[in-house]
């Protein structure tokens, strides 16, 4: 039996229901499930809840990687398989190692940390997995970082910037259509 590809989704824990960001995360989770992929995320609130809910309501599987560091937070109810880590660093390594691809939605410093970790791991050759950034905020962020830091064009080439969750899934489907 062929195992399903796991898509790790990064995004803000502060995203609230009835916002565009929440609906975008929900739609992304739904599309991931409908494409036959497994959704993985940090397992808590905001975009993690929204994407997990979208995936589960579409009949998909969800994995949440939680950490003892956030013992005051409750994992979201849409997580099917939960794996708890002892530290934030361990959580990051699990989120990174289980994934076949990464999709980052708009978020805060945690999301930025997650995205730049996988970006760096790809740039140094430790991993070679798709990194898809959804929304205008990422394009502006990468442009700004490139203006103020020493980022090579070859580093930027490992990132795929798209506007919508639908475009993100198109990228994955194109990559794996014959695999």
Protein backbone atom coordinates (compact mmCIF):
# COMPACT_ATOMS: atom_id res chain seq x y z
CA UNK A 1 0.00 0.00 0.00
CA UNK A 2 1.37 3.40 -1.00
CA UNK A 3 1.66 5.82 1.92
CA UNK A 4 0.03 9.21 1.61
CA UNK A 5 2.15 12.30 1.37
CA UNK A 6 2.16 14.52 4.46
CA UNK A 7 1.80 18.26 4.06
CA UNK A 8 2.93 20.33 7.04
CA UNK A 9 1.06 23.63 7.30
CA UNK A 10 2.50 26.58 9.20
CA UNK A 11 0.42 29.57 10.29
CA UNK A 12 -0.70 31.79 13.13
CA UNK A 13 -2.22 30.44 16.34
CA UNK A 14 -3.91 33.82 16.79
CA UNK A 15 -6.14 33.64 13.71
CA UNK A 16 -9.80 33.92 14.73
CA UNK A 17 -12.97 32.37 13.32
CA UNK A 18 -14.93 34.40 10.79
CA UNK A 19 -11.83 36.05 9.34
CA UNK A 20 -10.37 35.77 5.87
CA UNK A 21 -7.24 34.10 7.29
CA UNK A 22 -9.31 31.46 9.09
CA UNK A 23 -11.35 30.71 5.98
CA UNK A 24 -8.17 30.49 3.91
CA UNK A 25 -6.67 27.96 6.35
CA UNK A 26 -9.93 25.98 6.40
CA UNK A 27 -9.98 25.88 2.60
CA UNK A 28 -6.35 24.79 2.50
CA UNK A 29 -7.04 21.89 4.88
CA UNK A 30 -10.06 20.86 2.83
CA UNK A 31 -8.07 20.92 -0.41
CA UNK A 32 -5.22 18.93 1.15
CA UNK A 33 -7.64 16.20 2.22
CA UNK A 34 -9.52 16.19 -1.08
CA UNK A 35 -6.20 15.70 -2.91
CA UNK A 36 -5.53 12.61 -0.77
CA UNK A 37 -2.76 14.12 1.34
CA UNK A 38 -2.42 14.01 5.14
CA UNK A 39 -2.38 17.38 6.92
CA UNK A 40 0.16 17.97 9.68
CA UNK A 41 0.49 21.08 11.84
CA UNK A 42 1.34 22.24 15.35
CA UNK A 43 -1.98 21.02 16.71
CA UNK A 44 -3.25 24.09 18.52
CA UNK A 45 -5.53 27.05 17.63
CA UNK A 46 -5.92 29.58 14.86
CA UNK A 47 -4.85 28.38 11.43
CA UNK A 48 -3.97 25.00 12.95
CA UNK A 49 -7.59 24.52 14.05
CA UNK A 50 -8.97 25.88 10.79
CA UNK A 51 -6.81 23.73 8.52
CA UNK A 52 -7.35 20.63 10.66
CA UNK A 53 -11.09 21.19 10.66
CA UNK A 54 -11.14 21.65 6.88
CA UNK A 55 -9.19 18.43 6.38
CA UNK A 56 -11.29 16.36 8.79
CA UNK A 57 -14.62 17.67 7.47
CA UNK A 58 -13.44 16.67 3.98
CA UNK A 59 -12.72 13.14 5.23
CA UNK A 60 -8.96 13.57 5.55
CA UNK A 61 -6.38 12.60 8.14
CA UNK A 62 -4.70 15.07 10.49
CA UNK A 63 -1.57 14.98 12.61
CA UNK A 64 -0.78 17.48 15.37
CA UNK A 65 2.72 17.91 16.77
CA UNK A 66 2.34 19.51 20.19
CA UNK A 67 4.89 20.37 22.86
CA UNK A 68 5.13 20.38 26.63
CA UNK A 69 6.30 24.00 26.34
CA UNK A 70 2.67 24.91 25.63
CA UNK A 71 1.20 22.83 28.45
CA UNK A 72 -1.28 25.65 29.14
CA UNK A 73 -2.78 25.24 25.64
CA UNK A 74 -5.27 22.59 24.60
CA UNK A 75 -4.75 20.77 21.30
CA UNK A 76 -7.55 21.38 18.81
CA UNK A 77 -10.38 18.86 18.54
CA UNK A 78 -9.76 18.19 14.84
CA UNK A 79 -6.41 16.47 15.37
CA UNK A 80 -6.67 12.74 14.76
CA UNK A 81 -3.12 11.68 15.60
CA UNK A 82 -1.22 13.65 18.21
CA UNK A 83 2.47 13.44 18.92
CA UNK A 84 3.78 15.43 21.87
CA UNK A 85 7.37 16.61 22.08
CA UNK A 86 9.34 17.84 25.07
CA UNK A 87 10.67 21.05 23.55
CA UNK A 88 9.90 23.60 20.87
CA UNK A 89 13.09 22.62 19.03
CA UNK A 90 12.07 18.95 19.03
CA UNK A 91 8.60 19.93 17.80
CA UNK A 92 10.19 21.83 14.92
CA UNK A 93 12.31 18.84 13.97
CA UNK A 94 9.30 16.49 13.97
CA UNK A 95 7.19 18.93 11.91
CA UNK A 96 10.09 19.10 9.47
CA UNK A 97 11.01 15.43 9.30
CA UNK A 98 7.52 13.96 8.81
CA UNK A 99 6.61 16.32 5.96
CA UNK A 100 6.83 15.69 2.26
CA UNK A 101 6.08 19.38 1.62
CA UNK A 102 5.45 22.60 3.53
CA UNK A 103 2.83 25.28 3.08
CA UNK A 104 3.11 28.50 5.08
CA UNK A 105 0.17 30.82 5.60
CA UNK A 106 0.44 34.31 7.06
CA UNK A 107 1.58 34.23 10.68
CA UNK A 108 3.82 35.74 13.31
CA UNK A 109 7.33 35.02 14.56
CA UNK A 110 6.57 31.33 15.15
CA UNK A 111 5.47 30.91 11.54
CA UNK A 112 8.48 32.90 10.36
CA UNK A 113 10.75 30.63 12.44
CA UNK A 114 9.14 27.50 10.99
CA UNK A 115 9.38 28.75 7.42
CA UNK A 116 12.96 29.97 7.72
CA UNK A 117 14.05 26.70 9.34
CA UNK A 118 12.79 24.61 6.42
CA UNK A 119 14.11 27.22 3.98
CA UNK A 120 17.56 27.00 5.55
CA UNK A 121 17.52 23.20 5.69
CA UNK A 122 16.69 23.13 1.98
CA UNK A 123 19.28 25.79 1.11
CA UNK A 124 22.07 23.85 2.84
CA UNK A 125 20.97 20.60 1.22
CA UNK A 126 19.72 18.79 4.31
CA UNK A 127 16.22 18.43 2.88
CA UNK A 128 14.73 18.80 -0.58
CA UNK A 129 11.01 19.31 -0.13
CA UNK A 130 8.60 21.81 -1.66
CA UNK A 131 8.13 25.04 0.31
CA UNK A 132 5.04 26.96 -0.71
CA UNK A 133 4.23 30.39 0.70
CA UNK A 134 0.61 31.52 0.40
CA UNK A 135 -0.39 35.18 0.16
CA UNK A 136 0.96 38.64 -0.53
CA UNK A 137 2.52 38.97 2.92
CA UNK A 138 5.15 36.36 2.05
CA UNK A 139 6.17 38.05 -1.19
CA UNK A 140 6.65 41.33 0.70
CA UNK A 141 8.53 39.55 3.49
CA UNK A 142 10.93 37.77 1.13
CA UNK A 143 11.50 40.99 -0.83
CA UNK A 144 12.25 42.88 2.38
CA UNK A 145 14.59 40.19 3.69
CA UNK A 146 16.40 40.17 0.35
CA UNK A 147 16.91 43.94 0.48
CA UNK A 148 18.32 43.94 4.00
CA UNK A 149 20.07 40.57 4.37
CA UNK A 150 22.55 38.57 2.31
CA UNK A 151 20.11 36.24 0.55
CA UNK A 152 21.22 34.70 -2.73
CA UNK A 153 18.93 34.29 -5.72
CA UNK A 154 19.58 30.54 -5.49
CA UNK A 155 18.18 30.60 -1.94
CA UNK A 156 14.98 32.26 -3.15
CA UNK A 157 14.54 29.72 -5.95
CA UNK A 158 13.58 26.97 -3.48
CA UNK A 159 10.49 28.95 -2.48
CA UNK A 160 7.24 28.91 -4.42
CA UNK A 161 5.06 31.96 -3.84
CA UNK A 162 1.35 31.68 -4.60
CA UNK A 163 -1.69 33.83 -3.89
CA UNK A 164 -4.27 31.24 -2.82
CA UNK A 165 -4.67 27.79 -1.24
CA UNK A 166 -5.94 26.53 -4.60
CA UNK A 167 -2.69 27.59 -6.27
CA UNK A 168 -0.71 25.86 -3.51
CA UNK A 169 -2.50 22.59 -4.21
CA UNK A 170 -2.00 23.05 -7.94
CA UNK A 171 1.76 23.20 -7.27
CA UNK A 172 1.69 19.97 -5.25
CA UNK A 173 -0.53 18.18 -7.74
CA UNK A 174 1.78 19.23 -10.59
CA UNK A 175 4.83 17.95 -8.67
CA UNK A 176 3.31 14.59 -7.83
CA UNK A 177 0.84 13.97 -10.64
CA UNK A 178 2.77 10.97 -12.04
CA UNK A 179 4.19 9.75 -8.72
